All heavy atoms as atom14 arrays in JSON, in Angstrom:
{
  "sequence": "GDCALAGFTYIQPIREILSAYDLTLMVNDVEPIATAGTCQAYRTI",
  "atom14_mask": [
    [1, 1, 1, 1, 0, 0, 0, 0, 0, 0, 0, 0, 0, 0],
    [1, 1, 1, 1, 1, 1, 1, 1, 0, 0, 0, 0, 0, 0],
    [1, 1, 1, 1, 1, 1, 0, 0, 0, 0, 0, 0, 0, 0],
    [1, 1, 1, 1, 1, 0, 0, 0, 0, 0, 0, 0, 0, 0],
    [1, 1, 1, 1, 1, 1, 1, 1, 0, 0, 0, 0, 0, 0],
    [1, 1, 1, 1, 1, 0, 0, 0, 0, 0, 0, 0, 0, 0],
    [1, 1, 1, 1, 0, 0, 0, 0, 0, 0, 0, 0, 0, 0],
    [1, 1, 1, 1, 1, 1, 1, 1, 1, 1, 1, 0, 0, 0],
    [1, 1, 1, 1, 1, 1, 1, 0, 0, 0, 0, 0, 0, 0],
    [1, 1, 1, 1, 1, 1, 1, 1, 1, 1, 1, 1, 0, 0],
    [1, 1, 1, 1, 1, 1, 1, 1, 0, 0, 0, 0, 0, 0],
    [1, 1, 1, 1, 1, 1, 1, 1, 1, 0, 0, 0, 0, 0],
    [1, 1, 1, 1, 1, 1, 1, 0, 0, 0, 0, 0, 0, 0],
    [1, 1, 1, 1, 1, 1, 1, 1, 0, 0, 0, 0, 0, 0],
    [1, 1, 1, 1, 1, 1, 1, 1, 1, 1, 1, 0, 0, 0],
    [1, 1, 1, 1, 1, 1, 1, 1, 1, 0, 0, 0, 0, 0],
    [1, 1, 1, 1, 1, 1, 1, 1, 0, 0, 0, 0, 0, 0],
    [1, 1, 1, 1, 1, 1, 1, 1, 0, 0, 0, 0, 0, 0],
    [1, 1, 1, 1, 1, 1, 0, 0, 0, 0, 0, 0, 0, 0],
    [1, 1, 1, 1, 1, 0, 0, 0, 0, 0, 0, 0, 0, 0],
    [1, 1, 1, 1, 1, 1, 1, 1, 1, 1, 1, 1, 0, 0],
    [1, 1, 1, 1, 1, 1, 1, 1, 0, 0, 0, 0, 0, 0],
    [1, 1, 1, 1, 1, 1, 1, 1, 0, 0, 0, 0, 0, 0],
    [1, 1, 1, 1, 1, 1, 1, 0, 0, 0, 0, 0, 0, 0],
    [1, 1, 1, 1, 1, 1, 1, 1, 0, 0, 0, 0, 0, 0],
    [1, 1, 1, 1, 1, 1, 1, 1, 0, 0, 0, 0, 0, 0],
    [1, 1, 1, 1, 1, 1, 1, 0, 0, 0, 0, 0, 0, 0],
    [1, 1, 1, 1, 1, 1, 1, 1, 0, 0, 0, 0, 0, 0],
    [1, 1, 1, 1, 1, 1, 1, 1, 0, 0, 0, 0, 0, 0],
    [1, 1, 1, 1, 1, 1, 1, 0, 0, 0, 0, 0, 0, 0],
    [1, 1, 1, 1, 1, 1, 1, 1, 1, 0, 0, 0, 0, 0],
    [1, 1, 1, 1, 1, 1, 1, 0, 0, 0, 0, 0, 0, 0],
    [1, 1, 1, 1, 1, 1, 1, 1, 0, 0, 0, 0, 0, 0],
    [1, 1, 1, 1, 1, 0, 0, 0, 0, 0, 0, 0, 0, 0],
    [1, 1, 1, 1, 1, 1, 1, 0, 0, 0, 0, 0, 0, 0],
    [1, 1, 1, 1, 1, 0, 0, 0, 0, 0, 0, 0, 0, 0],
    [1, 1, 1, 1, 0, 0, 0, 0, 0, 0, 0, 0, 0, 0],
    [1, 1, 1, 1, 1, 1, 1, 0, 0, 0, 0, 0, 0, 0],
    [1, 1, 1, 1, 1, 1, 0, 0, 0, 0, 0, 0, 0, 0],
    [1, 1, 1, 1, 1, 1, 1, 1, 1, 0, 0, 0, 0, 0],
    [1, 1, 1, 1, 1, 0, 0, 0, 0, 0, 0, 0, 0, 0],
    [1, 1, 1, 1, 1, 1, 1, 1, 1, 1, 1, 1, 0, 0],
    [1, 1, 1, 1, 1, 1, 1, 1, 1, 1, 1, 0, 0, 0],
    [1, 1, 1, 1, 1, 1, 1, 0, 0, 0, 0, 0, 0, 0],
    [1, 1, 1, 1, 1, 1, 1, 1, 0, 0, 0, 0, 0, 0]
  ],
  "atom14_positions": [
    [[-9.73, 13.17, -44.71], [-8.59, 13.89, -45.29], [-7.76, 13.0, -46.21], [-8.15, 11.92, -46.59], [0.0, 0.0, 0.0], [0.0, 0.0, 0.0], [0.0, 0.0, 0.0], [0.0, 0.0, 0.0], [0.0, 0.0, 0.0], [0.0, 0.0, 0.0], [0.0, 0.0, 0.0], [0.0, 0.0, 0.0], [0.0, 0.0, 0.0], [0.0, 0.0, 0.0]],
    [[-6.61, 13.53, -46.57], [-5.74, 12.93, -47.58], [-4.31, 12.86, -46.98], [-3.77, 13.83, -46.51], [-5.73, 13.79, -48.83], [-4.9, 13.18, -49.93], [-4.15, 12.23, -49.7], [-5.0, 13.66, -51.05], [0.0, 0.0, 0.0], [0.0, 0.0, 0.0], [0.0, 0.0, 0.0], [0.0, 0.0, 0.0], [0.0, 0.0, 0.0], [0.0, 0.0, 0.0]],
    [[-3.71, 11.68, -47.0], [-2.37, 11.51, -46.41], [-1.31, 12.36, -47.14], [-0.3, 12.61, -46.58], [-1.96, 10.03, -46.44], [-2.73, 9.05, -45.14], [0.0, 0.0, 0.0], [0.0, 0.0, 0.0], [0.0, 0.0, 0.0], [0.0, 0.0, 0.0], [0.0, 0.0, 0.0], [0.0, 0.0, 0.0], [0.0, 0.0, 0.0], [0.0, 0.0, 0.0]],
    [[-1.62, 12.75, -48.36], [-0.66, 13.61, -49.07], [-0.58, 14.97, -48.42], [0.41, 15.7, -48.58], [-1.05, 13.72, -50.55], [0.0, 0.0, 0.0], [0.0, 0.0, 0.0], [0.0, 0.0, 0.0], [0.0, 0.0, 0.0], [0.0, 0.0, 0.0], [0.0, 0.0, 0.0], [0.0, 0.0, 0.0], [0.0, 0.0, 0.0], [0.0, 0.0, 0.0]],
    [[-1.66, 15.38, -47.77], [-1.71, 16.72, -47.12], [-1.82, 16.57, -45.61], [-0.88, 16.77, -44.88], [-2.91, 17.49, -47.66], [-2.87, 17.75, -49.17], [-4.16, 18.39, -49.66], [-1.66, 18.67, -49.52], [0.0, 0.0, 0.0], [0.0, 0.0, 0.0], [0.0, 0.0, 0.0], [0.0, 0.0, 0.0], [0.0, 0.0, 0.0], [0.0, 0.0, 0.0]],
    [[-2.98, 16.18, -45.13], [-3.22, 15.97, -43.68], [-4.45, 15.14, -43.56], [-5.29, 15.06, -44.47], [-3.36, 17.32, -42.99], [0.0, 0.0, 0.0], [0.0, 0.0, 0.0], [0.0, 0.0, 0.0], [0.0, 0.0, 0.0], [0.0, 0.0, 0.0], [0.0, 0.0, 0.0], [0.0, 0.0, 0.0], [0.0, 0.0, 0.0], [0.0, 0.0, 0.0]],
    [[-4.6, 14.51, -42.41], [-5.78, 13.7, -42.21], [-5.88, 13.26, -40.77], [-4.97, 13.47, -39.94], [0.0, 0.0, 0.0], [0.0, 0.0, 0.0], [0.0, 0.0, 0.0], [0.0, 0.0, 0.0], [0.0, 0.0, 0.0], [0.0, 0.0, 0.0], [0.0, 0.0, 0.0], [0.0, 0.0, 0.0], [0.0, 0.0, 0.0], [0.0, 0.0, 0.0]],
    [[-7.06, 12.7, -40.42], [-7.29, 12.13, -39.08], [-7.8, 10.72, -39.22], [-8.38, 10.37, -40.27], [-8.34, 12.98, -38.33], [-7.89, 14.4, -38.06], [-8.23, 15.41, -38.95], [-7.15, 14.68, -36.91], [-7.85, 16.73, -38.67], [-6.77, 15.97, -36.66], [-7.11, 17.0, -37.53], [0.0, 0.0, 0.0], [0.0, 0.0, 0.0], [0.0, 0.0, 0.0]],
    [[-7.52, 9.9, -38.23], [-8.01, 8.53, -38.22], [-8.72, 8.33, -36.91], [-8.31, 8.83, -35.85], [-6.85, 7.53, -38.38], [-6.14, 7.82, -39.58], [-7.4, 6.11, -38.44], [0.0, 0.0, 0.0], [0.0, 0.0, 0.0], [0.0, 0.0, 0.0], [0.0, 0.0, 0.0], [0.0, 0.0, 0.0], [0.0, 0.0, 0.0], [0.0, 0.0, 0.0]],
    [[-9.83, 7.52, -36.96], [-10.69, 7.29, -35.79], [-10.51, 5.79, -35.39], [-10.6, 4.9, -36.21], [-12.12, 7.58, -36.11], [-12.25, 8.92, -36.86], [-12.68, 8.91, -38.21], [-11.86, 10.12, -36.29], [-12.74, 10.1, -38.93], [-11.95, 11.3, -37.01], [-12.38, 11.29, -38.33], [-12.44, 12.47, -39.0], [0.0, 0.0, 0.0], [0.0, 0.0, 0.0]],
    [[-10.29, 5.58, -34.09], [-9.92, 4.27, -33.58], [-10.92, 3.78, -32.56], [-11.28, 4.5, -31.6], [-8.49, 4.38, -32.89], [-7.49, 5.02, -33.83], [-8.05, 3.02, -32.43], [-7.21, 4.3, -35.12], [0.0, 0.0, 0.0], [0.0, 0.0, 0.0], [0.0, 0.0, 0.0], [0.0, 0.0, 0.0], [0.0, 0.0, 0.0], [0.0, 0.0, 0.0]],
    [[-11.36, 2.53, -32.73], [-12.18, 1.89, -31.75], [-11.28, 1.4, -30.6], [-10.41, 0.56, -30.81], [-12.93, 0.72, -32.36], [-13.69, -0.15, -31.36], [-14.89, 0.57, -30.75], [-15.8, 1.03, -31.47], [-14.9, 0.71, -29.43], [0.0, 0.0, 0.0], [0.0, 0.0, 0.0], [0.0, 0.0, 0.0], [0.0, 0.0, 0.0], [0.0, 0.0, 0.0]],
    [[-11.44, 1.89, -29.36], [-10.54, 1.49, -28.27], [-10.58, -0.01, -28.03], [-11.66, -0.67, -28.08], [-11.08, 2.27, -27.06], [-11.77, 3.44, -27.66], [-12.38, 2.94, -28.95], [0.0, 0.0, 0.0], [0.0, 0.0, 0.0], [0.0, 0.0, 0.0], [0.0, 0.0, 0.0], [0.0, 0.0, 0.0], [0.0, 0.0, 0.0], [0.0, 0.0, 0.0]],
    [[-9.42, -0.59, -27.7], [-9.33, -2.03, -27.59], [-9.99, -2.59, -26.33], [-10.53, -3.69, -26.34], [-7.82, -2.45, -27.64], [-7.7, -3.96, -27.76], [-7.07, -1.94, -26.39], [-6.29, -4.43, -28.06], [0.0, 0.0, 0.0], [0.0, 0.0, 0.0], [0.0, 0.0, 0.0], [0.0, 0.0, 0.0], [0.0, 0.0, 0.0], [0.0, 0.0, 0.0]],
    [[-10.0, -1.84, -25.25], [-10.54, -2.38, -24.04], [-12.05, -2.73, -24.17], [-12.52, -3.74, -23.6], [-10.35, -1.38, -22.87], [-8.91, -1.17, -22.49], [-8.76, -0.23, -21.34], [-7.38, 0.02, -21.0], [-6.97, 0.86, -20.03], [-7.88, 1.46, -19.32], [-5.68, 1.0, -19.77], [0.0, 0.0, 0.0], [0.0, 0.0, 0.0], [0.0, 0.0, 0.0]],
    [[-12.78, -1.89, -24.89], [-14.21, -2.14, -25.1], [-14.42, -3.46, -25.89], [-15.37, -4.2, -25.61], [-14.86, -0.98, -25.85], [-15.14, 0.22, -24.96], [-13.92, 1.12, -24.79], [-12.78, 0.65, -25.09], [-14.08, 2.25, -24.32], [0.0, 0.0, 0.0], [0.0, 0.0, 0.0], [0.0, 0.0, 0.0], [0.0, 0.0, 0.0], [0.0, 0.0, 0.0]],
    [[-13.53, -3.71, -26.85], [-13.66, -4.91, -27.66], [-13.4, -6.16, -26.83], [-14.16, -7.15, -26.83], [-12.65, -4.89, -28.86], [-12.74, -3.54, -29.59], [-12.91, -6.05, -29.81], [-11.67, -3.4, -30.68], [0.0, 0.0, 0.0], [0.0, 0.0, 0.0], [0.0, 0.0, 0.0], [0.0, 0.0, 0.0], [0.0, 0.0, 0.0], [0.0, 0.0, 0.0]],
    [[-12.29, -6.15, -26.08], [-11.94, -7.28, -25.23], [-13.06, -7.6, -24.22], [-13.42, -8.76, -23.99], [-10.64, -7.03, -24.52], [-9.42, -6.79, -25.4], [-8.19, -6.5, -24.52], [-9.12, -7.96, -26.32], [0.0, 0.0, 0.0], [0.0, 0.0, 0.0], [0.0, 0.0, 0.0], [0.0, 0.0, 0.0], [0.0, 0.0, 0.0], [0.0, 0.0, 0.0]],
    [[-13.61, -6.52, -23.64], [-14.66, -6.69, -22.64], [-15.95, -7.22, -23.26], [-16.62, -8.11, -22.71], [-14.93, -5.38, -21.92], [-15.98, -5.45, -21.02], [0.0, 0.0, 0.0], [0.0, 0.0, 0.0], [0.0, 0.0, 0.0], [0.0, 0.0, 0.0], [0.0, 0.0, 0.0], [0.0, 0.0, 0.0], [0.0, 0.0, 0.0], [0.0, 0.0, 0.0]],
    [[-16.31, -6.68, -24.41], [-17.61, -7.07, -25.04], [-17.63, -8.53, -25.41], [-18.68, -9.19, -25.28], [-17.81, -6.19, -26.26], [0.0, 0.0, 0.0], [0.0, 0.0, 0.0], [0.0, 0.0, 0.0], [0.0, 0.0, 0.0], [0.0, 0.0, 0.0], [0.0, 0.0, 0.0], [0.0, 0.0, 0.0], [0.0, 0.0, 0.0], [0.0, 0.0, 0.0]],
    [[-16.53, -9.08, -25.83], [-16.51, -10.47, -26.32], [-15.74, -11.39, -25.4], [-15.52, -12.56, -25.74], [-15.92, -10.53, -27.74], [-16.67, -9.74, -28.78], [-16.02, -9.03, -29.77], [-18.07, -9.69, -28.75], [-16.72, -8.3, -30.72], [-18.79, -9.0, -29.72], [-18.08, -8.3, -30.68], [-18.81, -7.58, -31.65], [0.0, 0.0, 0.0], [0.0, 0.0, 0.0]],
    [[-15.36, -10.94, -24.23], [-14.59, -11.76, -23.26], [-13.34, -12.35, -23.89], [-13.07, -13.51, -23.81], [-15.49, -12.85, -22.7], [-14.92, -13.51, -21.47], [-14.09, -12.88, -20.79], [-15.26, -14.67, -21.18], [0.0, 0.0, 0.0], [0.0, 0.0, 0.0], [0.0, 0.0, 0.0], [0.0, 0.0, 0.0], [0.0, 0.0, 0.0], [0.0, 0.0, 0.0]],
    [[-12.57, -11.48, -24.55], [-11.35, -11.89, -25.21], [-10.13, -11.56, -24.39], [-10.13, -10.66, -23.52], [-11.24, -11.21, -26.57], [-12.42, -11.43, -27.56], [-12.29, -10.5, -28.75], [-12.48, -12.9, -27.98], [0.0, 0.0, 0.0], [0.0, 0.0, 0.0], [0.0, 0.0, 0.0], [0.0, 0.0, 0.0], [0.0, 0.0, 0.0], [0.0, 0.0, 0.0]],
    [[-9.04, -12.22, -24.69], [-7.73, -11.93, -24.04], [-6.74, -11.52, -25.11], [-6.56, -12.25, -26.09], [-7.21, -13.18, -23.3], [-8.13, -13.55, -22.26], [-5.83, -12.86, -22.68], [0.0, 0.0, 0.0], [0.0, 0.0, 0.0], [0.0, 0.0, 0.0], [0.0, 0.0, 0.0], [0.0, 0.0, 0.0], [0.0, 0.0, 0.0], [0.0, 0.0, 0.0]],
    [[-6.12, -10.37, -24.93], [-5.11, -9.9, -25.87], [-3.87, -10.74, -25.78], [-3.36, -10.99, -24.67], [-4.76, -8.43, -25.59], [-3.68, -7.8, -26.42], [-4.16, -7.62, -27.85], [-3.32, -6.43, -25.82], [0.0, 0.0, 0.0], [0.0, 0.0, 0.0], [0.0, 0.0, 0.0], [0.0, 0.0, 0.0], [0.0, 0.0, 0.0], [0.0, 0.0, 0.0]],
    [[-3.32, -11.19, -26.9], [-2.05, -11.91, -26.92], [-0.93, -10.9, -26.77], [-0.84, -9.94, -27.55], [-1.88, -12.72, -28.2], [-2.9, -13.84, -28.35], [-2.62, -14.86, -29.85], [-1.08, -15.63, -29.46], [0.0, 0.0, 0.0], [0.0, 0.0, 0.0], [0.0, 0.0, 0.0], [0.0, 0.0, 0.0], [0.0, 0.0, 0.0], [0.0, 0.0, 0.0]],
    [[-0.04, -11.1, -25.78], [1.06, -10.19, -25.52], [2.38, -10.94, -25.52], [2.47, -12.08, -25.13], [0.85, -9.44, -24.21], [-0.35, -8.5, -24.27], [0.73, -10.41, -23.03], [0.0, 0.0, 0.0], [0.0, 0.0, 0.0], [0.0, 0.0, 0.0], [0.0, 0.0, 0.0], [0.0, 0.0, 0.0], [0.0, 0.0, 0.0], [0.0, 0.0, 0.0]],
    [[3.41, -10.26, -25.96], [4.8, -10.74, -26.12], [4.83, -12.17, -26.7], [3.85, -12.65, -27.22], [5.59, -10.59, -24.85], [5.08, -11.35, -23.66], [5.04, -12.56, -23.69], [4.65, -10.65, -22.63], [0.0, 0.0, 0.0], [0.0, 0.0, 0.0], [0.0, 0.0, 0.0], [0.0, 0.0, 0.0], [0.0, 0.0, 0.0], [0.0, 0.0, 0.0]],
    [[6.01, -12.77, -26.59], [6.15, -14.11, -27.2], [6.7, -15.09, -26.16], [7.51, -15.97, -26.5], [7.02, -14.03, -28.43], [8.39, -13.44, -28.11], [8.59, -12.98, -26.98], [9.24, -13.43, -29.02], [0.0, 0.0, 0.0], [0.0, 0.0, 0.0], [0.0, 0.0, 0.0], [0.0, 0.0, 0.0], [0.0, 0.0, 0.0], [0.0, 0.0, 0.0]],
    [[6.39, -14.89, -24.9], [6.9, -15.71, -23.85], [5.76, -16.56, -23.27], [4.7, -16.05, -23.01], [7.54, -14.89, -22.74], [8.12, -15.8, -21.63], [8.67, -14.01, -23.32], [0.0, 0.0, 0.0], [0.0, 0.0, 0.0], [0.0, 0.0, 0.0], [0.0, 0.0, 0.0], [0.0, 0.0, 0.0], [0.0, 0.0, 0.0], [0.0, 0.0, 0.0]],
    [[5.98, -17.83, -23.07], [4.93, -18.69, -22.5], [5.02, -18.64, -20.99], [6.02, -19.02, -20.38], [5.17, -20.15, -22.95], [4.09, -21.1, -22.5], [2.75, -20.84, -23.14], [2.74, -20.3, -24.25], [1.72, -21.18, -22.53], [0.0, 0.0, 0.0], [0.0, 0.0, 0.0], [0.0, 0.0, 0.0], [0.0, 0.0, 0.0], [0.0, 0.0, 0.0]],
    [[4.0, -18.07, -20.3], [4.06, -17.93, -18.85], [3.73, -19.26, -18.16], [3.11, -20.13, -18.71], [2.96, -16.92, -18.58], [1.95, -17.16, -19.64], [2.77, -17.55, -20.88], [0.0, 0.0, 0.0], [0.0, 0.0, 0.0], [0.0, 0.0, 0.0], [0.0, 0.0, 0.0], [0.0, 0.0, 0.0], [0.0, 0.0, 0.0], [0.0, 0.0, 0.0]],
    [[4.23, -19.34, -16.9], [3.83, -20.47, -16.05], [3.28, -19.87, -14.77], [3.64, -18.77, -14.33], [5.0, -21.39, -15.74], [6.12, -20.66, -15.0], [5.55, -22.06, -17.0], [7.25, -21.55, -14.52], [0.0, 0.0, 0.0], [0.0, 0.0, 0.0], [0.0, 0.0, 0.0], [0.0, 0.0, 0.0], [0.0, 0.0, 0.0], [0.0, 0.0, 0.0]],
    [[2.36, -20.58, -14.12], [1.75, -20.07, -12.88], [2.59, -20.42, -11.7], [3.18, -21.51, -11.64], [0.34, -20.65, -12.72], [0.0, 0.0, 0.0], [0.0, 0.0, 0.0], [0.0, 0.0, 0.0], [0.0, 0.0, 0.0], [0.0, 0.0, 0.0], [0.0, 0.0, 0.0], [0.0, 0.0, 0.0], [0.0, 0.0, 0.0], [0.0, 0.0, 0.0]],
    [[2.69, -19.54, -10.72], [3.42, -19.83, -9.47], [2.42, -20.32, -8.46], [1.26, -20.53, -8.71], [4.09, -18.55, -8.96], [3.08, -17.67, -8.46], [4.86, -17.87, -10.06], [0.0, 0.0, 0.0], [0.0, 0.0, 0.0], [0.0, 0.0, 0.0], [0.0, 0.0, 0.0], [0.0, 0.0, 0.0], [0.0, 0.0, 0.0], [0.0, 0.0, 0.0]],
    [[2.89, -20.51, -7.24], [2.04, -21.03, -6.17], [1.0, -20.02, -5.72], [0.14, -20.35, -4.89], [2.9, -21.44, -4.97], [0.0, 0.0, 0.0], [0.0, 0.0, 0.0], [0.0, 0.0, 0.0], [0.0, 0.0, 0.0], [0.0, 0.0, 0.0], [0.0, 0.0, 0.0], [0.0, 0.0, 0.0], [0.0, 0.0, 0.0], [0.0, 0.0, 0.0]],
    [[1.02, -18.8, -6.22], [0.0, -17.83, -5.9], [0.43, -16.72, -4.97], [-0.38, -15.9, -4.54], [0.0, 0.0, 0.0], [0.0, 0.0, 0.0], [0.0, 0.0, 0.0], [0.0, 0.0, 0.0], [0.0, 0.0, 0.0], [0.0, 0.0, 0.0], [0.0, 0.0, 0.0], [0.0, 0.0, 0.0], [0.0, 0.0, 0.0], [0.0, 0.0, 0.0]],
    [[1.73, -16.66, -4.63], [2.26, -15.57, -3.8], [3.61, -15.17, -4.33], [4.19, -15.78, -5.22], [2.45, -16.02, -2.32], [3.55, -16.93, -2.24], [1.17, -16.72, -1.81], [0.0, 0.0, 0.0], [0.0, 0.0, 0.0], [0.0, 0.0, 0.0], [0.0, 0.0, 0.0], [0.0, 0.0, 0.0], [0.0, 0.0, 0.0], [0.0, 0.0, 0.0]],
    [[4.15, -14.04, -3.8], [5.49, -13.58, -4.2], [6.61, -14.53, -3.75], [7.77, -14.37, -4.18], [5.76, -12.21, -3.6], [4.69, -10.89, -4.24], [0.0, 0.0, 0.0], [0.0, 0.0, 0.0], [0.0, 0.0, 0.0], [0.0, 0.0, 0.0], [0.0, 0.0, 0.0], [0.0, 0.0, 0.0], [0.0, 0.0, 0.0], [0.0, 0.0, 0.0]],
    [[6.28, -15.55, -2.96], [7.3, -16.47, -2.43], [7.97, -17.28, -3.56], [9.04, -17.85, -3.34], [6.71, -17.4, -1.42], [6.11, -16.69, -0.2], [7.13, -15.9, 0.59], [8.32, -16.29, 0.64], [6.73, -14.78, 1.17], [0.0, 0.0, 0.0], [0.0, 0.0, 0.0], [0.0, 0.0, 0.0], [0.0, 0.0, 0.0], [0.0, 0.0, 0.0]],
    [[7.36, -17.34, -4.73], [7.92, -18.12, -5.84], [9.06, -17.4, -6.54], [9.77, -17.99, -7.33], [6.84, -18.51, -6.83], [0.0, 0.0, 0.0], [0.0, 0.0, 0.0], [0.0, 0.0, 0.0], [0.0, 0.0, 0.0], [0.0, 0.0, 0.0], [0.0, 0.0, 0.0], [0.0, 0.0, 0.0], [0.0, 0.0, 0.0], [0.0, 0.0, 0.0]],
    [[9.26, -16.1, -6.24], [10.29, -15.33, -6.9], [11.67, -15.63, -6.31], [11.75, -16.02, -5.13], [10.0, -13.85, -6.81], [8.9, -13.38, -7.75], [7.57, -13.72, -7.54], [9.2, -12.64, -8.88], [6.54, -13.35, -8.38], [8.21, -12.27, -9.77], [6.9, -12.6, -9.51], [5.9, -12.22, -10.39], [0.0, 0.0, 0.0], [0.0, 0.0, 0.0]],
    [[12.72, -15.41, -7.04], [14.06, -15.8, -6.59], [14.5, -15.0, -5.36], [15.1, -15.56, -4.45], [15.07, -15.57, -7.72], [16.5, -15.97, -7.38], [17.42, -15.79, -8.56], [18.76, -16.22, -8.24], [19.7, -15.42, -7.7], [19.39, -14.2, -7.45], [20.89, -15.88, -7.43], [0.0, 0.0, 0.0], [0.0, 0.0, 0.0], [0.0, 0.0, 0.0]],
    [[14.25, -13.67, -5.37], [14.65, -12.83, -4.24], [13.43, -12.37, -3.51], [12.5, -11.82, -4.08], [15.45, -11.61, -4.73], [16.59, -12.07, -5.47], [15.9, -10.74, -3.56], [0.0, 0.0, 0.0], [0.0, 0.0, 0.0], [0.0, 0.0, 0.0], [0.0, 0.0, 0.0], [0.0, 0.0, 0.0], [0.0, 0.0, 0.0], [0.0, 0.0, 0.0]],
    [[13.39, -12.56, -2.19], [12.27, -12.18, -1.35], [12.75, -11.23, -0.26], [13.77, -11.49, 0.4], [11.62, -13.42, -0.66], [11.13, -14.39, -1.72], [10.47, -12.96, 0.23], [10.03, -13.9, -2.6], [0.0, 0.0, 0.0], [0.0, 0.0, 0.0], [0.0, 0.0, 0.0], [0.0, 0.0, 0.0], [0.0, 0.0, 0.0], [0.0, 0.0, 0.0]]
  ]
}
C-alpha cells in the first residue's frame, strides 16, 4: 500500500530472532546487580 492512503506492514516477531541466535534484548538503561538468589535481598520482606 501507500502511506498517503492506507497500507499494511509485516513484522518478524522478536522472540523468534532472540531464540534463533541466542541473543539477549537490551532493556531500559539501568545496570542490574545480582542478589543472593532469594527474595531475602529485598528491603521489605
